[in-house]
Amino acid sequence: MKRDWLQLISNAAIIVGLVVVIFELKQSRDIARTHLIKADYVAIQSRLYALMGENAADVVAKAKTAPSELTDGEKIVVDAHLLAL
């Protein structure tokens, strides 16, 4: 009789351990997915900032005051600025 209880406790411990391992695997998968999404977001944001160039504030100010005078390059900067928002 005592051996049956020990076997039952052992089996329950194994099942609890398996549940914990499954839970940890799910958490690890979610964390990895979050890191990949963040890496993609950072890459896109970096690309947009690179398109804006060094004088983005001047170009945006020019777009507000005299939009008809924008060059094609400045239009790309304004577009990147609007996408980065």
PDB file of N, CA and C in Angstrom:
ATOM      1  N   MET A   1       0.820  -1.183   0.000  1.00  0.00           N
ATOM      2  CA  MET A   1       0.000   0.000   0.000  1.00  0.00           C
ATOM      3  C   MET A   1       0.876   1.263   0.000  1.00  0.00           C
ATOM      4  N   LYS A   2       1.951   1.243   0.818  1.00  0.00           N
ATOM      5  CA  LYS A   2       2.825   2.400   0.891  1.00  0.00           C
ATOM      6  C   LYS A   2       3.513   2.653  -0.450  1.00  0.00           C
ATOM      7  N   ARG A   3       3.828   1.567  -1.150  1.00  0.00           N
ATOM      8  CA  ARG A   3       4.486   1.693  -2.450  1.00  0.00           C
ATOM      9  C   ARG A   3       3.559   2.331  -3.470  1.00  0.00           C
ATOM     10  N   ASP A   4       2.262   2.044  -3.408  1.00  0.00           N
ATOM     11  CA  ASP A   4       1.295   2.642  -4.326  1.00  0.00           C
ATOM     12  C   ASP A   4       1.233   4.162  -4.135  1.00  0.00           C
ATOM     13  N   TRP A   5       1.264   4.615  -2.888  1.00  0.00           N
ATOM     14  CA  TRP A   5       1.236   6.055  -2.625  1.00  0.00           C
ATOM     15  C   TRP A   5       2.499   6.739  -3.147  1.00  0.00           C
ATOM     16  N   LEU A   6       3.631   6.086  -2.958  1.00  0.00           N
ATOM     17  CA  LEU A   6       4.885   6.647  -3.465  1.00  0.00           C
ATOM     18  C   LEU A   6       4.867   6.729  -4.989  1.00  0.00           C
ATOM     19  N   GLN A   7       4.333   5.708  -5.626  1.00  0.00           N
ATOM     20  CA  GLN A   7       4.221   5.707  -7.087  1.00  0.00           C
ATOM     21  C   GLN A   7       3.289   6.819  -7.557  1.00  0.00           C
ATOM     22  N   LEU A   8       2.192   7.008  -6.858  1.00  0.00           N
ATOM     23  CA  LEU A   8       1.225   8.052  -7.202  1.00  0.00           C
ATOM     24  C   LEU A   8       1.838   9.442  -7.033  1.00  0.00           C
ATOM     25  N   ILE A   9       2.558   9.661  -5.949  1.00  0.00           N
ATOM     26  CA  ILE A   9       3.215  10.947  -5.717  1.00  0.00           C
ATOM     27  C   ILE A   9       4.289  11.198  -6.772  1.00  0.00           C
ATOM     28  N   SER A  10       5.035  10.179  -7.110  1.00  0.00           N
ATOM     29  CA  SER A  10       6.076  10.294  -8.130  1.00  0.00           C
ATOM     30  C   SER A  10       5.470  10.661  -9.482  1.00  0.00           C
ATOM     31  N   ASN A  11       4.389   9.999  -9.857  1.00  0.00           N
ATOM     32  CA  ASN A  11       3.730  10.294 -11.134  1.00  0.00           C
ATOM     33  C   ASN A  11       3.163  11.716 -11.155  1.00  0.00           C
ATOM     34  N   ALA A  12       2.603  12.147 -10.028  1.00  0.00           N
ATOM     35  CA  ALA A  12       2.067  13.506  -9.954  1.00  0.00           C
ATOM     36  C   ALA A  12       3.194  14.529 -10.086  1.00  0.00           C
ATOM     37  N   ALA A  13       4.342  14.264  -9.477  1.00  0.00           N
ATOM     38  CA  ALA A  13       5.482  15.175  -9.573  1.00  0.00           C
ATOM     39  C   ALA A  13       5.991  15.266 -11.011  1.00  0.00           C
ATOM     40  N   ILE A  14       5.999  14.157 -11.697  1.00  0.00           N
ATOM     41  CA  ILE A  14       6.424  14.149 -13.103  1.00  0.00           C
ATOM     42  C   ILE A  14       5.459  14.970 -13.954  1.00  0.00           C
ATOM     43  N   ILE A  15       4.180  14.824 -13.733  1.00  0.00           N
ATOM     44  CA  ILE A  15       3.181  15.581 -14.502  1.00  0.00           C
ATOM     45  C   ILE A  15       3.306  17.077 -14.213  1.00  0.00           C
ATOM     46  N   VAL A  16       3.487  17.441 -12.947  1.00  0.00           N
ATOM     47  CA  VAL A  16       3.671  18.855 -12.605  1.00  0.00           C
ATOM     48  C   VAL A  16       4.938  19.394 -13.267  1.00  0.00           C
ATOM     49  N   GLY A  17       5.999  18.614 -13.262  1.00  0.00           N
ATOM     50  CA  GLY A  17       7.244  19.023 -13.922  1.00  0.00           C
ATOM     51  C   GLY A  17       7.060  19.244 -15.406  1.00  0.00           C
ATOM     52  N   LEU A  18       6.317  18.356 -16.061  1.00  0.00           N
ATOM     53  CA  LEU A  18       6.052  18.510 -17.488  1.00  0.00           C
ATOM     54  C   LEU A  18       5.232  19.768 -17.765  1.00  0.00           C
ATOM     55  N   VAL A  19       4.267  20.053 -16.920  1.00  0.00           N
ATOM     56  CA  VAL A  19       3.461  21.268 -17.088  1.00  0.00           C
ATOM     57  C   VAL A  19       4.340  22.506 -16.951  1.00  0.00           C
ATOM     58  N   VAL A  20       5.249  22.492 -15.975  1.00  0.00           N
ATOM     59  CA  VAL A  20       6.153  23.633 -15.783  1.00  0.00           C
ATOM     60  C   VAL A  20       7.068  23.807 -16.993  1.00  0.00           C
ATOM     61  N   VAL A  21       7.587  22.713 -17.526  1.00  0.00           N
ATOM     62  CA  VAL A  21       8.459  22.786 -18.707  1.00  0.00           C
ATOM     63  C   VAL A  21       7.692  23.338 -19.903  1.00  0.00           C
ATOM     64  N   ILE A  22       6.471  22.888 -20.114  1.00  0.00           N
ATOM     65  CA  ILE A  22       5.655  23.397 -21.220  1.00  0.00           C
ATOM     66  C   ILE A  22       5.403  24.888 -21.055  1.00  0.00           C
ATOM     67  N   PHE A  23       5.103  25.320 -19.851  1.00  0.00           N
ATOM     68  CA  PHE A  23       4.886  26.740 -19.574  1.00  0.00           C
ATOM     69  C   PHE A  23       6.144  27.558 -19.871  1.00  0.00           C
ATOM     70  N   GLU A  24       7.302  27.057 -19.450  1.00  0.00           N
ATOM     71  CA  GLU A  24       8.556  27.765 -19.707  1.00  0.00           C
ATOM     72  C   GLU A  24       8.876  27.820 -21.198  1.00  0.00           C
ATOM     73  N   LEU A  25       8.593  26.757 -21.938  1.00  0.00           N
ATOM     74  CA  LEU A  25       8.819  26.767 -23.381  1.00  0.00           C
ATOM     75  C   LEU A  25       7.937  27.805 -24.069  1.00  0.00           C
ATOM     76  N   LYS A  26       6.703  27.916 -23.610  1.00  0.00           N
ATOM     77  CA  LYS A  26       5.800  28.922 -24.184  1.00  0.00           C
ATOM     78  C   LYS A  26       6.312  30.318 -23.892  1.00  0.00           C
ATOM     79  N   GLN A  27       6.782  30.553 -22.681  1.00  0.00           N
ATOM     80  CA  GLN A  27       7.335  31.863 -22.333  1.00  0.00           C
ATOM     81  C   GLN A  27       8.569  32.173 -23.178  1.00  0.00           C
ATOM     82  N   SER A  28       9.429  31.205 -23.360  1.00  0.00           N
ATOM     83  CA  SER A  28      10.635  31.409 -24.164  1.00  0.00           C
ATOM     84  C   SER A  28      10.271  31.743 -25.610  1.00  0.00           C
ATOM     85  N   ARG A  29       9.273  31.058 -26.146  1.00  0.00           N
ATOM     86  CA  ARG A  29       8.822  31.336 -27.508  1.00  0.00           C
ATOM     87  C   ARG A  29       8.268  32.751 -27.613  1.00  0.00           C
ATOM     88  N   ASP A  30       7.482  33.158 -26.634  1.00  0.00           N
ATOM     89  CA  ASP A  30       6.909  34.504 -26.655  1.00  0.00           C
ATOM     90  C   ASP A  30       7.998  35.573 -26.545  1.00  0.00           C
ATOM     91  N   ILE A  31       8.988  35.333 -25.700  1.00  0.00           N
ATOM     92  CA  ILE A  31      10.090  36.286 -25.554  1.00  0.00           C
ATOM     93  C   ILE A  31      10.885  36.384 -26.847  1.00  0.00           C
ATOM     94  N   ALA A  32      11.185  35.254 -27.461  1.00  0.00           N
ATOM     95  CA  ALA A  32      11.932  35.270 -28.724  1.00  0.00           C
ATOM     96  C   ALA A  32      11.149  36.007 -29.809  1.00  0.00           C
ATOM     97  N   ARG A  33       9.860  35.780 -29.860  1.00  0.00           N
ATOM     98  CA  ARG A  33       9.020  36.462 -30.855  1.00  0.00           C
ATOM     99  C   ARG A  33       9.006  37.967 -30.606  1.00  0.00           C
ATOM    100  N   THR A  34       8.924  38.361 -29.353  1.00  0.00           N
ATOM    101  CA  THR A  34       8.944  39.784 -29.015  1.00  0.00           C
ATOM    102  C   THR A  34      10.265  40.423 -29.416  1.00  0.00           C
ATOM    103  N   HIS A  35      11.371  39.728 -29.191  1.00  0.00           N
ATOM    104  CA  HIS A  35      12.675  40.260 -29.585  1.00  0.00           C
ATOM    105  C   HIS A  35      12.774  40.416 -31.101  1.00  0.00           C
ATOM    106  N   LEU A  36      12.248  39.465 -31.848  1.00  0.00           N
ATOM    107  CA  LEU A  36      12.278  39.565 -33.310  1.00  0.00           C
ATOM    108  C   LEU A  36      11.440  40.735 -33.808  1.00  0.00           C
ATOM    109  N   ILE A  37      10.277  40.921 -33.207  1.00  0.00           N
ATOM    110  CA  ILE A  37       9.418  42.041 -33.596  1.00  0.00           C
ATOM    111  C   ILE A  37      10.108  43.361 -33.277  1.00  0.00           C
ATOM    112  N   LYS A  38      10.739  43.438 -32.108  1.00  0.00           N
ATOM    113  CA  LYS A  38      11.438  44.667 -31.736  1.00  0.00           C
ATOM    114  C   LYS A  38      12.613  44.931 -32.671  1.00  0.00           C
ATOM    115  N   ALA A  39      13.345  43.896 -33.039  1.00  0.00           N
ATOM    116  CA  ALA A  39      14.483  44.066 -33.949  1.00  0.00           C
ATOM    117  C   ALA A  39      14.008  44.584 -35.305  1.00  0.00           C
ATOM    118  N   ASP A  40      12.881  44.067 -35.801  1.00  0.00           N
ATOM    119  CA  ASP A  40      12.326  44.553 -37.066  1.00  0.00           C
ATOM    120  C   ASP A  40      11.916  46.012 -36.947  1.00  0.00           C
ATOM    121  N   TYR A  41      11.271  46.362 -35.839  1.00  0.00           N
ATOM    122  CA  TYR A  41      10.833  47.742 -35.628  1.00  0.00           C
ATOM    123  C   TYR A  41      12.033  48.686 -35.580  1.00  0.00           C
ATOM    124  N   VAL A  42      13.086  48.290 -34.877  1.00  0.00           N
ATOM    125  CA  VAL A  42      14.281  49.130 -34.768  1.00  0.00           C
ATOM    126  C   VAL A  42      14.940  49.288 -36.134  1.00  0.00           C
ATOM    127  N   ALA A  43      14.978  48.218 -36.929  1.00  0.00           N
ATOM    128  CA  ALA A  43      15.574  48.295 -38.262  1.00  0.00           C
ATOM    129  C   ALA A  43      14.791  49.245 -39.161  1.00  0.00           C
ATOM    130  N   ILE A  44      13.471  49.160 -39.115  1.00  0.00           N
ATOM    131  CA  ILE A  44      12.642  50.056 -39.921  1.00  0.00           C
ATOM    132  C   ILE A  44      12.820  51.492 -39.464  1.00  0.00           C
ATOM    133  N   GLN A  45      12.829  51.708 -38.163  1.00  0.00           N
ATOM    134  CA  GLN A  45      12.986  53.050 -37.627  1.00  0.00           C
ATOM    135  C   GLN A  45      14.357  53.623 -37.992  1.00  0.00           C
ATOM    136  N   SER A  46      15.390  52.827 -37.930  1.00  0.00           N
ATOM    137  CA  SER A  46      16.731  53.286 -38.290  1.00  0.00           C
ATOM    138  C   SER A  46      16.793  53.668 -39.758  1.00  0.00           C
ATOM    139  N   ARG A  47      16.135  52.879 -40.598  1.00  0.00           N
ATOM    140  CA  ARG A  47      16.106  53.184 -42.035  1.00  0.00           C
ATOM    141  C   ARG A  47      15.404  54.508 -42.285  1.00  0.00           C
ATOM    142  N   LEU A  48      14.292  54.736 -41.605  1.00  0.00           N
ATOM    143  CA  LEU A  48      13.566  55.990 -41.790  1.00  0.00           C
ATOM    144  C   LEU A  48      14.392  57.178 -41.294  1.00  0.00           C
ATOM    145  N   TYR A  49      15.077  57.015 -40.165  1.00  0.00           N
ATOM    146  CA  TYR A  49      15.922  58.096 -39.661  1.00  0.00           C
ATOM    147  C   TYR A  49      17.076  58.368 -40.626  1.00  0.00           C
ATOM    148  N   ALA A  50      17.611  57.318 -41.241  1.00  0.00           N
ATOM    149  CA  ALA A  50      18.679  57.515 -42.220  1.00  0.00           C
ATOM    150  C   ALA A  50      18.153  58.269 -43.445  1.00  0.00           C
ATOM    151  N   LEU A  51      16.931  57.979 -43.851  1.00  0.00           N
ATOM    152  CA  LEU A  51      16.340  58.697 -44.984  1.00  0.00           C
ATOM    153  C   LEU A  51      16.112  60.169 -44.653  1.00  0.00           C
ATOM    154  N   MET A  52      15.838  60.464 -43.399  1.00  0.00           N
ATOM    155  CA  MET A  52      15.585  61.849 -43.009  1.00  0.00           C
ATOM    156  C   MET A  52      16.852  62.688 -43.081  1.00  0.00           C
ATOM    157  N   GLY A  53      17.992  62.091 -42.885  1.00  0.00           N
ATOM    158  CA  GLY A  53      19.243  62.836 -42.985  1.00  0.00           C
ATOM    159  C   GLY A  53      19.506  63.698 -41.765  1.00  0.00           C
ATOM    160  N   GLU A  54      20.497  64.571 -41.919  1.00  0.00           N
ATOM    161  CA  GLU A  54      20.942  65.383 -40.787  1.00  0.00           C
ATOM    162  C   GLU A  54      20.117  66.649 -40.597  1.00  0.00           C
ATOM    163  N   ASN A  55      19.504  67.142 -41.644  1.00  0.00           N
ATOM    164  CA  ASN A  55      18.787  68.412 -41.538  1.00  0.00           C
ATOM    165  C   ASN A  55      17.278  68.218 -41.671  1.00  0.00           C
ATOM    166  N   ALA A  56      16.762  67.212 -41.009  1.00  0.00           N
ATOM    167  CA  ALA A  56      15.333  66.908 -41.120  1.00  0.00           C
ATOM    168  C   ALA A  56      14.467  68.034 -40.585  1.00  0.00           C
ATOM    169  N   ALA A  57      14.902  68.683 -39.526  1.00  0.00           N
ATOM    170  CA  ALA A  57      14.101  69.770 -38.949  1.00  0.00           C
ATOM    171  C   ALA A  57      13.969  70.925 -39.929  1.00  0.00           C
ATOM    172  N   ASP A  58      15.047  71.244 -40.636  1.00  0.00           N
ATOM    173  CA  ASP A  58      14.983  72.329 -41.618  1.00  0.00           C
ATOM    174  C   ASP A  58      14.040  71.981 -42.766  1.00  0.00           C
ATOM    175  N   VAL A  59      14.087  70.731 -43.202  1.00  0.00           N
ATOM    176  CA  VAL A  59      13.232  70.308 -44.315  1.00  0.00           C
ATOM    177  C   VAL A  59      11.765  70.313 -43.894  1.00  0.00           C
ATOM    178  N   VAL A  60      11.477  69.846 -42.696  1.00  0.00           N
ATOM    179  CA  VAL A  60      10.090  69.842 -42.215  1.00  0.00           C
ATOM    180  C   VAL A  60       9.586  71.283 -42.058  1.00  0.00           C
ATOM    181  N   ALA A  61      10.443  72.156 -41.570  1.00  0.00           N
ATOM    182  CA  ALA A  61      10.051  73.566 -41.449  1.00  0.00           C
ATOM    183  C   ALA A  61       9.783  74.166 -42.823  1.00  0.00           C
ATOM    184  N   LYS A  62      10.605  73.833 -43.797  1.00  0.00           N
ATOM    185  CA  LYS A  62      10.391  74.323 -45.162  1.00  0.00           C
ATOM    186  C   LYS A  62       9.099  73.759 -45.741  1.00  0.00           C
ATOM    187  N   ALA A  63       8.792  72.503 -45.405  1.00  0.00           N
ATOM    188  CA  ALA A  63       7.560  71.881 -45.897  1.00  0.00           C
ATOM    189  C   ALA A  63       6.333  72.578 -45.326  1.00  0.00           C
ATOM    190  N   LYS A  64       6.445  73.101 -44.117  1.00  0.00           N
ATOM    191  CA  LYS A  64       5.317  73.815 -43.500  1.00  0.00           C
ATOM    192  C   LYS A  64       5.157  75.210 -44.074  1.00  0.00           C
ATOM    193  N   THR A  65       6.275  75.877 -44.354  1.00  0.00           N
ATOM    194  CA  THR A  65       6.196  77.262 -44.792  1.00  0.00           C
ATOM    195  C   THR A  65       6.085  77.412 -46.304  1.00  0.00           C
ATOM    196  N   ALA A  66       6.806  76.578 -47.046  1.00  0.00           N
ATOM    197  CA  ALA A  66       6.805  76.698 -48.512  1.00  0.00           C
ATOM    198  C   ALA A  66       6.839  75.312 -49.154  1.00  0.00           C
ATOM    199  N   PRO A  67       5.758  74.565 -49.084  1.00  0.00           N
ATOM    200  CA  PRO A  67       5.779  73.193 -49.602  1.00  0.00           C
ATOM    201  C   PRO A  67       6.004  73.104 -51.109  1.00  0.00           C
ATOM    202  N   SER A  68       5.648  74.129 -51.847  1.00  0.00           N
ATOM    203  CA  SER A  68       5.826  74.073 -53.303  1.00  0.00           C
ATOM    204  C   SER A  68       7.294  74.170 -53.700  1.00  0.00           C
ATOM    205  N   GLU A  69       8.157  74.621 -52.806  1.00  0.00           N
ATOM    206  CA  GLU A  69       9.577  74.789 -53.107  1.00  0.00           C
ATOM    207  C   GLU A  69      10.416  73.558 -52.743  1.00  0.00           C
ATOM    208  N   LEU A  70       9.788  72.497 -52.302  1.00  0.00           N
ATOM    209  CA  LEU A  70      10.532  71.292 -51.914  1.00  0.00           C
ATOM    210  C   LEU A  70      11.127  70.602 -53.135  1.00  0.00           C
ATOM    211  N   THR A  71      12.372  70.164 -52.980  1.00  0.00           N
ATOM    212  CA  THR A  71      12.984  69.354 -54.032  1.00  0.00           C
ATOM    213  C   THR A  71      12.551  67.903 -53.850  1.00  0.00           C
ATOM    214  N   ASP A  72      12.894  67.063 -54.816  1.00  0.00           N
ATOM    215  CA  ASP A  72      12.525  65.645 -54.704  1.00  0.00           C
ATOM    216  C   ASP A  72      13.189  64.992 -53.493  1.00  0.00           C
ATOM    217  N   GLY A  73      14.440  65.345 -53.232  1.00  0.00           N
ATOM    218  CA  GLY A  73      15.136  64.802 -52.072  1.00  0.00           C
ATOM    219  C   GLY A  73      14.487  65.238 -50.765  1.00  0.00           C
ATOM    220  N   GLU A  74      14.049  66.464 -50.709  1.00  0.00           N
ATOM    221  CA  GLU A  74      13.388  66.959 -49.512  1.00  0.00           C
ATOM    222  C   GLU A  74      12.014  66.321 -49.326  1.00  0.00           C
ATOM    223  N   LYS A  75      11.357  65.996 -50.427  1.00  0.00           N
ATOM    224  CA  LYS A  75      10.075  65.290 -50.329  1.00  0.00           C
ATOM    225  C   LYS A  75      10.268  63.906 -49.727  1.00  0.00           C
ATOM    226  N   ILE A  76      11.366  63.253 -50.069  1.00  0.00           N
ATOM    227  CA  ILE A  76      11.678  61.943 -49.479  1.00  0.00           C
ATOM    228  C   ILE A  76      11.904  62.079 -47.977  1.00  0.00           C
ATOM    229  N   VAL A  77      12.582  63.149 -47.570  1.00  0.00           N
ATOM    230  CA  VAL A  77      12.823  63.391 -46.151  1.00  0.00           C
ATOM    231  C   VAL A  77      11.501  63.605 -45.416  1.00  0.00           C
ATOM    232  N   VAL A  78      10.610  64.409 -46.001  1.00  0.00           N
ATOM    233  CA  VAL A  78       9.305  64.658 -45.377  1.00  0.00           C
ATOM    234  C   VAL A  78       8.486  63.365 -45.302  1.00  0.00           C
ATOM    235  N   ASP A  79       8.538  62.577 -46.361  1.00  0.00           N
ATOM    236  CA  ASP A  79       7.815  61.297 -46.362  1.00  0.00           C
ATOM    237  C   ASP A  79       8.340  60.371 -45.270  1.00  0.00           C
ATOM    238  N   ALA A  80       9.668  60.285 -45.138  1.00  0.00           N
ATOM    239  CA  ALA A  80      10.260  59.444 -44.083  1.00  0.00           C
ATOM    240  C   ALA A  80       9.876  59.960 -42.702  1.00  0.00           C
ATOM    241  N   HIS A  81       9.825  61.282 -42.564  1.00  0.00           N
ATOM    242  CA  HIS A  81       9.433  61.869 -41.281  1.00  0.00           C
ATOM    243  C   HIS A  81       7.993  61.482 -40.942  1.00  0.00           C
ATOM    244  N   LEU A  82       7.105  61.552 -41.908  1.00  0.00           N
ATOM    245  CA  LEU A  82       5.700  61.210 -41.650  1.00  0.00           C
ATOM    246  C   LEU A  82       5.537  59.712 -41.371  1.00  0.00           C
ATOM    247  N   LEU A  83       6.331  58.882 -42.026  1.00  0.00           N
ATOM    248  CA  LEU A  83       6.246  57.437 -41.757  1.00  0.00           C
ATOM    249  C   LEU A  83       6.808  57.084 -40.382  1.00  0.00           C
ATOM    250  N   ALA A  84       7.794  57.851 -39.921  1.00  0.00           N
ATOM    251  CA  ALA A  84       8.402  57.567 -38.621  1.00  0.00           C
ATOM    252  C   ALA A  84       7.502  57.937 -37.461  1.00  0.00           C
ATOM    253  N   LEU A  85       6.499  58.766 -37.727  1.00  0.00           N
ATOM    254  CA  LEU A  85       5.598  59.152 -36.647  1.00  0.00           C
ATOM    255  C   LEU A  85       4.769  57.975 -36.319  1.00  0.00           C
TER     256      LEU A  85
END
